[in-house]
Amino acid sequence: MKIRILGSGCAKCHRLEQLTREVAAGLGLDAEFDHVTDMQAIMAYPIMTTPALVIDEEVLVYGRMPSKDELAGWLKAARQGIRGDAARTNDA
């Protein structure tokens, strides 16, 4: 699983990465993390504000800090290969 945090390096961006790493570790996921700070690279994604969370090249949230429960749902869905709106609303 490839997880990208998009953001300039602000406190919220670092917090999103920290929370995502904590939740992934708690779920026992083997994930590769990448913190993208280059604005040209960030602009390649369909987002308007940062921070943003991208899992396996799918933007799941941007412009706000998700809860740990939201992160867990998205990571579990990604582990199961669920994408799109189903991943965004998956509580399992």
Protein backbone atom coordinates (compact mmCIF):
# COMPACT_ATOMS: atom_id res chain seq x y z
CA MET A 1 0.00 0.00 0.00
CA LYS A 2 1.35 3.41 -0.98
CA ILE A 3 0.30 6.35 1.20
CA ARG A 4 1.04 9.93 0.25
CA ILE A 5 0.58 13.02 2.35
CA LEU A 6 0.34 16.12 0.20
CA GLY A 7 1.28 19.40 1.81
CA SER A 8 3.89 22.08 2.18
CA GLY A 9 5.19 20.75 5.47
CA CYS A 10 2.89 22.69 7.78
CA ALA A 11 1.86 21.42 11.21
CA LYS A 12 -1.42 19.97 9.88
CA CYS A 13 0.43 18.06 7.18
CA HIS A 14 2.81 16.56 9.73
CA ARG A 15 -0.10 15.73 12.04
CA LEU A 16 -1.96 13.94 9.22
CA GLU A 17 1.14 11.88 8.48
CA GLN A 18 1.63 11.07 12.17
CA LEU A 19 -2.01 10.00 12.64
CA THR A 20 -1.99 7.93 9.46
CA ARG A 21 1.22 6.17 10.48
CA GLU A 22 -0.23 5.44 13.94
CA VAL A 23 -3.45 3.99 12.53
CA ALA A 24 -1.62 1.95 9.88
CA ALA A 25 0.71 0.52 12.51
CA GLY A 26 -2.25 -0.27 14.77
CA LEU A 27 -3.85 -2.21 11.93
CA GLY A 28 -0.60 -4.04 11.20
CA LEU A 29 -0.43 -2.67 7.66
CA ASP A 30 2.72 -2.73 5.59
CA ALA A 31 2.59 0.69 3.97
CA GLU A 32 5.09 2.86 2.14
CA PHE A 33 4.80 6.53 3.14
CA ASP A 34 5.74 9.52 1.03
CA HIS A 35 5.31 13.16 2.10
CA VAL A 36 5.00 15.25 -1.07
CA THR A 37 5.94 18.91 -0.55
CA ASP A 38 6.69 19.93 -4.14
CA MET A 39 3.86 22.22 -5.29
CA GLN A 40 4.07 21.06 -8.92
CA ALA A 41 3.63 17.45 -7.80
CA ILE A 42 0.77 18.41 -5.45
CA MET A 43 -0.99 20.29 -8.25
CA ALA A 44 -1.11 17.06 -10.27
CA TYR A 45 -3.81 15.84 -7.87
CA PRO A 46 -7.45 17.07 -7.91
CA ILE A 47 -7.25 18.97 -4.63
CA MET A 48 -7.82 22.60 -3.74
CA THR A 49 -6.25 22.73 -0.26
CA THR A 50 -3.84 20.76 1.86
CA PRO A 51 -3.23 18.61 3.74
CA ALA A 52 -4.38 15.75 1.55
CA LEU A 53 -4.27 11.99 1.96
CA VAL A 54 -3.71 9.78 -1.07
CA ILE A 55 -3.85 6.00 -0.77
CA ASP A 56 -2.78 3.96 -3.80
CA GLU A 57 -3.13 7.09 -5.96
CA GLU A 58 -6.70 7.84 -4.84
CA VAL A 59 -7.35 11.11 -3.00
CA LEU A 60 -9.47 10.29 0.05
CA VAL A 61 -9.50 13.61 1.90
CA TYR A 62 -8.11 17.10 1.54
CA GLY A 63 -8.34 20.38 3.37
CA ARG A 64 -9.25 18.91 6.75
CA MET A 65 -7.98 16.57 9.42
CA PRO A 66 -9.81 13.22 9.40
CA SER A 67 -10.53 11.31 12.58
CA LYS A 68 -8.66 8.14 13.48
CA ASP A 69 -11.86 6.19 12.80
CA GLU A 70 -12.07 7.66 9.29
CA LEU A 71 -8.43 6.83 8.64
CA ALA A 72 -8.92 3.27 9.89
CA GLY A 73 -11.94 2.80 7.62
CA TRP A 74 -10.07 4.05 4.57
CA LEU A 75 -6.99 1.97 5.31
CA LYS A 76 -9.06 -1.17 5.88
CA ALA A 77 -10.94 -0.54 2.64
CA ALA A 78 -7.69 -0.02 0.73
CA ARG A 79 -6.30 -3.25 2.18
CA GLN A 80 -9.38 -5.03 0.81
CA GLY A 81 -9.08 -3.32 -2.57
CA ILE A 82 -12.19 -1.17 -2.13
CA ARG A 83 -11.95 2.15 -3.96
CA GLY A 84 -14.03 5.23 -4.70
CA ASP A 85 -17.02 6.33 -2.67
CA ALA A 86 -17.24 2.90 -1.05
CA ALA A 87 -13.84 3.51 0.57
CA ARG A 88 -14.78 6.97 1.75
CA THR A 89 -17.89 5.74 3.54
CA ASN A 90 -16.65 2.37 4.73
CA ASP A 91 -16.81 2.04 8.53
CA ALA A 92 -15.71 -1.61 8.60
